[in-house]
Amino acid sequence: MSWIISSHVANAKGLGMIGNKLRVLHVTEAFGGGVRSAIIHYITGADQFEHSLFARVRVGHETLDLPAGIDVHRVDGGLRGFFLEARRAVLDGNYDIVHLHSSYAGALRAMLPRGTRVVYSPHCYVMEAGHGAVKKHVYRTVEKTLAQRAQVLVAVSPHEESIGLGLRSDMPSEVVENIVMPVPAVGSAAPRVEGKPVISMIGRIMAQKDPGFYARVCSELGSSRYRFVWIGDGEAHSRAVLESAGVEVTGWLPPTEVRELLRISDLYVHTAAWEGGPLATLEAADAGCAVLARSIPSMESLGYALAGSRPLDVAQAVDLFFSDTRYQESVRLATKAIAQASTIERMSRSLDAAYGQAMSLR
């Protein structure tokens, strides 16, 4: 083995490295969007480990660039080929820990031999998605079955951890909340329109982010009083729904331009129907933009100010934000607390603890 650790690993409190680095292989079939950002943050922020990556890239979902010098094995094609090649890479690589990212990569738990130290990050359990009752039951049954093998769960929110422990109550787990890296202020964003407050949302226009919900909120509020911005792009029909409600859809923008739009925004309203631990709200918080979130379990567990579960509730919360200084201050304080806790040092410590537990697996 290529690791030397201090004695406190035995109680899974951390690695306490004093010798060669642990070799960690990150595996994902969906290397794009938030999963890509999270993996790159782990690689960048936890350099006490030697990281390698096995990934099927999602074209068009690129976010951050990989650091130089990382061993990367990219694959194309379908899931069958991905699983076979990923299993071969694990068997041939002599890695200390195999970290599986997302539900489909998590299926490798059924294919890897006993003794493989597995860490699993669902990045939002698949049964949380907006599927029908039958599909949700099937996905939950599969996840429950796969949870029985030796592994450590790395969750991105306390809610996600609670789901995992509901599948297996004695599963070792650690919450490693997402972070954002600072982005310098460069250039200028689009100017305000007639002094209207700017309300923003970030995400791919798709079912998870529920653009229809955001459009209904905006219709309730009215574009005569507010300027609404959706930063991102996606499904054509849902984009048209947003635009018909008076929402400006920016398309995909470079990170610096996204951050500038957030800096001129007065409020970020997150309307996703389900989440693990979103990066977009962290970007808003880091840019100093107050965040109101639709009331869903993951956002509650992360400490965001909640605006309710119906479009009318959210619209009323937005109006209250701009009319009641005490309520506005409470939202700003909740957002600031989240931004202050979202540090690379905290993430690194949490990941260190998770990998420490993995090294104790039998």
Protein backbone atom coordinates (compact mmCIF):
# COMPACT_ATOMS: atom_id res chain seq x y z
CA MET A 1 0.00 0.00 0.00
CA SER A 2 1.09 3.55 -0.76
CA TRP A 3 -0.10 5.11 2.49
CA ILE A 4 1.26 5.75 5.95
CA ILE A 5 -1.16 7.17 8.51
CA SER A 6 -1.15 8.04 12.17
CA SER A 7 -2.92 5.92 14.75
CA HIS A 8 -6.00 8.12 15.01
CA VAL A 9 -7.30 6.68 11.72
CA ALA A 10 -8.50 3.75 13.78
CA ASN A 11 -11.32 5.88 15.16
CA ALA A 12 -12.00 7.44 11.73
CA LYS A 13 -11.37 11.04 12.76
CA GLY A 14 -8.93 11.87 9.94
CA LEU A 15 -5.95 10.69 8.02
CA GLY A 16 -3.11 12.59 9.71
CA MET A 17 -0.78 11.90 6.81
CA ILE A 18 2.91 11.58 7.64
CA GLY A 19 4.15 9.72 4.58
CA ASN A 20 3.19 9.04 0.94
CA LYS A 21 -0.14 10.33 -0.28
CA LEU A 22 -3.22 8.15 -0.50
CA ARG A 23 -4.17 7.39 -4.11
CA VAL A 24 -7.81 8.27 -4.85
CA LEU A 25 -9.61 7.47 -8.10
CA HIS A 26 -12.69 9.60 -8.83
CA VAL A 27 -15.16 7.87 -11.14
CA THR A 28 -18.17 9.48 -12.83
CA GLU A 29 -20.25 8.87 -15.93
CA ALA A 30 -21.55 12.46 -15.82
CA PHE A 31 -18.50 14.74 -15.72
CA GLY A 32 -20.28 18.04 -16.19
CA GLY A 33 -22.18 20.72 -14.29
CA GLY A 34 -22.20 20.50 -10.52
CA VAL A 35 -20.60 17.03 -10.42
CA ARG A 36 -17.64 18.30 -12.45
CA SER A 37 -17.26 21.35 -10.21
CA ALA A 38 -17.43 19.27 -7.02
CA ILE A 39 -14.78 16.80 -8.20
CA ILE A 40 -12.46 19.62 -9.28
CA HIS A 41 -12.95 21.31 -5.91
CA TYR A 42 -12.01 18.04 -4.16
CA ILE A 43 -8.91 17.69 -6.32
CA THR A 44 -7.89 21.34 -5.89
CA GLY A 45 -8.75 21.74 -2.23
CA ALA A 46 -7.59 18.39 -0.86
CA ASP A 47 -4.07 18.11 -2.23
CA GLN A 48 -3.04 15.89 0.70
CA PHE A 49 -4.25 13.09 -1.62
CA GLU A 50 -3.05 11.96 -5.05
CA HIS A 51 -6.13 12.28 -7.25
CA SER A 52 -6.89 10.54 -10.54
CA LEU A 53 -10.04 10.75 -12.65
CA PHE A 54 -12.00 8.25 -14.75
CA ALA A 55 -14.85 10.06 -16.49
CA ARG A 56 -17.36 10.11 -19.25
CA VAL A 57 -17.57 13.80 -20.18
CA ARG A 58 -20.87 15.61 -20.64
CA VAL A 59 -20.26 17.81 -23.67
CA GLY A 60 -21.74 21.27 -23.19
CA HIS A 61 -21.81 20.94 -19.39
CA GLU A 62 -18.24 22.10 -18.81
CA THR A 63 -17.67 24.32 -15.78
CA LEU A 64 -14.21 24.51 -14.20
CA ASP A 65 -10.96 23.35 -15.79
CA LEU A 66 -9.06 20.42 -14.31
CA PRO A 67 -5.78 21.31 -12.59
CA ALA A 68 -2.63 20.52 -14.56
CA GLY A 69 -0.89 17.24 -13.91
CA ILE A 70 -3.96 15.17 -12.98
CA ASP A 71 -4.08 11.65 -14.41
CA VAL A 72 -7.30 11.58 -16.47
CA HIS A 73 -8.90 8.68 -18.33
CA ARG A 74 -11.78 9.93 -20.51
CA VAL A 75 -14.28 7.54 -22.10
CA ASP A 76 -17.07 7.98 -24.64
CA GLY A 77 -20.04 5.88 -25.59
CA GLY A 78 -22.72 4.09 -23.60
CA LEU A 79 -22.96 3.01 -20.00
CA ARG A 80 -22.06 -0.64 -20.64
CA GLY A 81 -18.64 0.29 -22.00
CA PHE A 82 -18.21 2.83 -19.22
CA PHE A 83 -18.84 0.23 -16.51
CA LEU A 84 -16.50 -2.34 -18.07
CA GLU A 85 -13.65 0.13 -18.55
CA ALA A 86 -14.14 1.69 -15.13
CA ARG A 87 -14.00 -1.71 -13.42
CA ARG A 88 -10.83 -2.54 -15.33
CA ALA A 89 -9.26 0.78 -14.33
CA VAL A 90 -10.03 0.11 -10.66
CA LEU A 91 -8.62 -3.43 -10.78
CA ASP A 92 -5.46 -2.38 -12.63
CA GLY A 93 -4.77 0.85 -10.77
CA ASN A 94 -3.88 -0.18 -7.21
CA TYR A 95 -5.84 2.77 -5.76
CA ASP A 96 -6.32 3.14 -2.03
CA ILE A 97 -9.82 4.60 -2.38
CA VAL A 98 -12.34 4.59 -5.23
CA HIS A 99 -14.70 7.59 -5.02
CA LEU A 100 -17.86 7.08 -7.12
CA HIS A 101 -19.77 10.23 -8.11
CA SER A 102 -23.49 10.21 -9.09
CA SER A 103 -26.10 7.46 -9.02
CA TYR A 104 -25.10 5.73 -12.26
CA ALA A 105 -21.42 5.55 -11.35
CA GLY A 106 -22.67 4.31 -7.98
CA ALA A 107 -23.92 1.18 -9.72
CA LEU A 108 -20.27 0.11 -9.85
CA ARG A 109 -20.69 -0.82 -6.19
CA ALA A 110 -22.26 -4.04 -7.50
CA MET A 111 -19.29 -4.76 -9.78
CA LEU A 112 -16.21 -4.01 -7.67
CA PRO A 113 -14.62 -6.84 -5.68
CA ARG A 114 -14.79 -7.08 -1.92
CA GLY A 115 -11.93 -5.23 -0.31
CA THR A 116 -12.24 -2.22 -2.63
CA ARG A 117 -12.52 0.84 -0.39
CA VAL A 118 -15.53 2.61 -1.84
CA VAL A 119 -16.67 6.18 -1.18
CA TYR A 120 -20.02 7.09 -2.75
CA SER A 121 -21.31 10.59 -3.55
CA PRO A 122 -24.80 10.51 -5.13
CA HIS A 123 -24.83 14.30 -5.77
CA CYS A 124 -28.63 14.11 -5.33
CA TYR A 125 -30.14 10.65 -5.07
CA VAL A 126 -31.90 9.63 -8.27
CA MET A 127 -35.15 8.79 -6.43
CA GLU A 128 -35.33 12.47 -5.40
CA ALA A 129 -35.92 13.41 -9.04
CA GLY A 130 -39.40 14.06 -10.39
CA HIS A 131 -40.20 10.49 -11.38
CA GLY A 132 -43.47 8.63 -10.91
CA ALA A 133 -44.14 6.40 -7.90
CA VAL A 134 -43.11 3.17 -9.65
CA LYS A 135 -39.75 4.51 -10.85
CA LYS A 136 -39.03 6.06 -7.46
CA HIS A 137 -39.69 2.70 -5.79
CA VAL A 138 -37.39 0.92 -8.24
CA TYR A 139 -34.58 3.46 -7.80
CA ARG A 140 -34.92 3.35 -4.01
CA THR A 141 -34.81 -0.45 -4.03
CA VAL A 142 -31.63 -0.41 -6.13
CA GLU A 143 -29.98 2.21 -3.91
CA LYS A 144 -30.96 0.30 -0.77
CA THR A 145 -29.47 -2.91 -2.17
CA LEU A 146 -26.22 -1.21 -3.20
CA ALA A 147 -25.96 0.52 0.19
CA GLN A 148 -25.43 -2.83 1.92
CA ARG A 149 -21.85 -3.29 0.73
CA ALA A 150 -18.94 -1.78 2.70
CA GLN A 151 -18.64 1.91 1.77
CA VAL A 152 -18.60 5.47 3.06
CA LEU A 153 -21.33 7.89 2.03
CA VAL A 154 -20.20 11.44 1.21
CA ALA A 155 -23.30 13.63 1.14
CA VAL A 156 -23.49 17.24 -0.02
CA SER A 157 -26.17 18.18 2.50
CA PRO A 158 -27.54 16.90 5.82
CA HIS A 159 -30.75 15.97 3.98
CA GLU A 160 -28.83 13.81 1.52
CA GLU A 161 -27.05 12.13 4.42
CA SER A 162 -30.39 11.39 6.08
CA ILE A 163 -31.63 9.72 2.90
CA GLY A 164 -28.52 7.53 2.81
CA LEU A 165 -28.87 6.53 6.46
CA GLY A 166 -32.49 5.69 5.74
CA LEU A 167 -31.19 3.12 3.25
CA ARG A 168 -28.75 1.68 5.82
CA SER A 169 -28.68 3.10 9.31
CA ASP A 170 -25.15 1.96 10.18
CA MET A 171 -23.48 3.19 6.96
CA PRO A 172 -20.42 5.38 7.70
CA SER A 173 -21.09 8.87 6.38
CA GLU A 174 -19.74 12.39 6.19
CA VAL A 175 -21.33 15.62 4.96
CA VAL A 176 -18.97 17.44 2.58
CA GLU A 177 -20.86 20.54 1.52
CA ASN A 178 -20.13 22.12 -1.83
CA ILE A 179 -18.04 25.28 -2.08
CA VAL A 180 -17.29 27.92 -4.68
CA MET A 181 -13.90 29.31 -5.57
CA PRO A 182 -13.56 33.12 -5.53
CA VAL A 183 -13.99 34.76 -8.93
CA PRO A 184 -12.42 38.21 -9.41
CA ALA A 185 -14.60 41.13 -10.46
CA VAL A 186 -13.90 41.67 -14.16
CA GLY A 187 -15.78 43.78 -16.66
CA SER A 188 -19.30 45.08 -16.19
CA ALA A 189 -22.69 43.43 -16.14
CA ALA A 190 -25.80 44.64 -17.93
CA PRO A 191 -27.06 47.89 -16.35
CA ARG A 192 -30.16 48.13 -14.20
CA VAL A 193 -33.40 48.93 -15.99
CA GLU A 194 -35.23 52.00 -14.64
CA GLY A 195 -34.01 51.26 -11.14
CA LYS A 196 -36.03 48.05 -10.87
CA PRO A 197 -34.81 45.46 -8.35
CA VAL A 198 -33.05 42.60 -10.15
CA ILE A 199 -34.15 39.04 -9.29
CA SER A 200 -31.98 36.21 -10.62
CA MET A 201 -31.87 32.45 -10.96
CA ILE A 202 -29.09 30.21 -12.36
CA GLY A 203 -29.36 26.80 -13.94
CA ARG A 204 -29.97 24.59 -16.91
CA ILE A 205 -33.55 25.09 -18.09
CA MET A 206 -34.83 21.62 -17.21
CA ALA A 207 -37.28 19.86 -14.91
CA GLN A 208 -35.01 19.81 -11.85
CA LYS A 209 -34.69 23.61 -11.75
CA ASP A 210 -38.44 23.98 -12.47
CA PRO A 211 -38.41 26.97 -14.82
CA GLY A 212 -42.22 26.86 -14.93
CA PHE A 213 -42.31 27.54 -11.19
CA TYR A 214 -39.95 30.51 -11.62
CA ALA A 215 -42.10 31.82 -14.47
CA ARG A 216 -45.23 31.66 -12.28
CA VAL A 217 -43.42 33.52 -9.49
CA CYS A 218 -42.41 36.22 -11.96
CA SER A 219 -45.95 36.47 -13.36
CA GLU A 220 -47.29 36.95 -9.82
CA LEU A 221 -44.76 39.73 -9.15
CA GLY A 222 -45.03 41.49 -12.52
CA SER A 223 -42.27 42.83 -14.76
CA SER A 224 -43.48 46.39 -14.27
CA ARG A 225 -41.97 46.33 -10.76
CA TYR A 226 -39.05 43.89 -11.06
CA ARG A 227 -36.44 42.80 -13.57
CA PHE A 228 -36.15 39.00 -13.83
CA VAL A 229 -33.04 37.22 -15.13
CA TRP A 230 -32.42 33.51 -15.75
CA ILE A 231 -28.71 32.81 -16.17
CA GLY A 232 -28.35 29.71 -18.31
CA ASP A 233 -30.10 27.92 -21.15
CA GLY A 234 -31.78 24.62 -21.96
CA GLU A 235 -35.10 23.25 -23.19
CA ALA A 236 -36.61 25.46 -25.88
CA HIS A 237 -40.23 25.15 -24.71
CA SER A 238 -39.40 26.02 -21.10
CA ARG A 239 -37.22 28.91 -22.25
CA ALA A 240 -40.22 30.29 -24.15
CA VAL A 241 -42.35 29.95 -21.00
CA LEU A 242 -39.79 31.99 -19.07
CA GLU A 243 -39.58 34.67 -21.74
CA SER A 244 -43.38 34.94 -21.95
CA ALA A 245 -43.38 35.73 -18.22
CA GLY A 246 -40.97 38.62 -18.79
CA VAL A 247 -37.77 36.78 -17.85
CA GLU A 248 -34.50 37.67 -19.60
CA VAL A 249 -32.70 34.43 -20.47
CA THR A 250 -28.98 35.10 -20.86
CA GLY A 251 -27.80 31.79 -22.32
CA TRP A 252 -24.59 30.27 -20.99
CA LEU A 253 -22.05 32.83 -19.81
CA PRO A 254 -18.42 32.69 -18.63
CA PRO A 255 -18.03 32.49 -14.82
CA THR A 256 -16.84 36.10 -14.57
CA GLU A 257 -19.96 37.38 -16.35
CA VAL A 258 -22.19 35.20 -14.19
CA ARG A 259 -20.59 36.63 -11.08
CA GLU A 260 -21.04 40.19 -12.35
CA LEU A 261 -24.75 39.58 -12.94
CA LEU A 262 -25.04 38.21 -9.42
CA ARG A 263 -23.26 41.26 -8.03
CA ILE A 264 -25.87 43.62 -9.52
CA SER A 265 -28.76 41.35 -8.49
CA ASP A 266 -30.78 42.41 -5.47
CA LEU A 267 -32.13 38.92 -4.76
CA TYR A 268 -31.50 35.35 -5.92
CA VAL A 269 -34.62 33.16 -5.94
CA HIS A 270 -33.88 29.42 -6.21
CA THR A 271 -36.87 27.46 -7.50
CA ALA A 272 -35.47 23.94 -8.00
CA ALA A 273 -37.93 21.11 -7.31
CA TRP A 274 -35.18 18.86 -5.93
CA GLU A 275 -31.51 19.31 -5.09
CA GLY A 276 -28.50 17.74 -3.43
CA GLY A 277 -26.44 20.81 -2.53
CA PRO A 278 -26.58 23.41 -5.33
CA LEU A 279 -23.53 25.43 -6.36
CA ALA A 280 -25.56 28.25 -7.89
CA THR A 281 -26.88 29.46 -4.55
CA LEU A 282 -23.34 29.41 -3.15
CA GLU A 283 -22.17 31.52 -6.09
CA ALA A 284 -24.92 34.02 -5.33
CA ALA A 285 -24.05 34.07 -1.62
CA ASP A 286 -20.35 34.50 -2.39
CA ALA A 287 -21.20 37.44 -4.69
CA GLY A 288 -23.07 39.13 -1.84
CA CYS A 289 -26.53 38.51 -3.28
CA ALA A 290 -29.23 37.53 -0.77
CA VAL A 291 -30.81 34.10 -1.42
CA LEU A 292 -34.41 32.98 -0.99
CA ALA A 293 -35.09 29.31 -1.69
CA ARG A 294 -38.19 27.36 -2.53
CA SER A 295 -39.03 25.20 0.48
CA ILE A 296 -37.56 21.77 -0.24
CA PRO A 297 -35.81 19.51 2.30
CA SER A 298 -32.24 19.90 1.04
CA MET A 299 -32.35 23.70 1.08
CA GLU A 300 -33.83 23.67 4.57
CA SER A 301 -31.09 21.33 5.79
CA LEU A 302 -28.41 23.67 4.40
CA GLY A 303 -29.78 26.67 6.30
CA TYR A 304 -31.16 28.82 3.47
CA ALA A 305 -33.99 31.27 4.07
CA LEU A 306 -37.12 29.53 2.77
CA ALA A 307 -39.85 31.24 0.78
CA GLY A 308 -42.56 28.58 0.67
CA SER A 309 -43.58 25.69 -1.56
CA ARG A 310 -46.02 27.43 -3.95
CA PRO A 311 -45.31 30.16 -6.54
CA LEU A 312 -47.70 32.52 -4.72
CA ASP A 313 -45.86 31.91 -1.42
CA VAL A 314 -42.51 32.68 -3.04
CA ALA A 315 -43.85 35.81 -4.74
CA GLN A 316 -45.20 37.06 -1.40
CA ALA A 317 -41.83 36.38 0.25
CA VAL A 318 -40.09 38.39 -2.48
CA ASP A 319 -42.44 41.33 -1.97
CA LEU A 320 -41.86 41.09 1.79
CA PHE A 321 -38.09 41.10 1.23
CA PHE A 322 -38.30 44.45 -0.54
CA SER A 323 -40.85 46.01 1.84
CA ASP A 324 -39.80 44.80 5.30
CA THR A 325 -36.26 45.72 6.36
CA ARG A 326 -36.26 43.26 9.27
CA TYR A 327 -37.20 40.35 7.01
CA GLN A 328 -34.64 41.47 4.44
CA GLU A 329 -31.93 41.55 7.10
CA SER A 330 -32.84 38.03 8.29
CA VAL A 331 -32.50 36.70 4.73
CA ARG A 332 -29.19 38.50 4.27
CA LEU A 333 -27.83 37.13 7.56
CA ALA A 334 -28.80 33.56 6.63
CA THR A 335 -27.10 33.97 3.25
CA LYS A 336 -23.98 35.50 4.79
CA ALA A 337 -23.68 32.62 7.29
CA ILE A 338 -23.75 30.10 4.45
CA ALA A 339 -21.14 32.04 2.46
CA GLN A 340 -18.83 32.28 5.49
CA ALA A 341 -19.11 28.53 6.19
CA SER A 342 -18.40 27.60 2.57
CA THR A 343 -14.62 27.41 2.82
CA ILE A 344 -12.07 25.23 1.12
CA GLU A 345 -10.55 24.46 4.53
CA ARG A 346 -13.84 23.09 5.84
CA MET A 347 -14.36 21.01 2.70
CA SER A 348 -10.82 19.61 2.94
CA ARG A 349 -11.29 18.63 6.61
CA SER A 350 -14.59 16.91 5.87
CA LEU A 351 -13.17 15.01 2.92
CA ASP A 352 -10.16 14.04 5.02
CA ALA A 353 -12.52 12.59 7.64
CA ALA A 354 -14.50 10.68 5.00
CA TYR A 355 -11.39 9.12 3.49
CA GLY A 356 -10.18 8.28 6.98
CA GLN A 357 -13.35 6.29 7.52
CA ALA A 358 -12.86 4.59 4.15
CA MET A 359 -9.37 3.41 5.14
CA SER A 360 -10.96 1.71 8.15
CA LEU A 361 -13.44 -0.31 6.06
CA ARG A 362 -13.30 -4.05 6.27
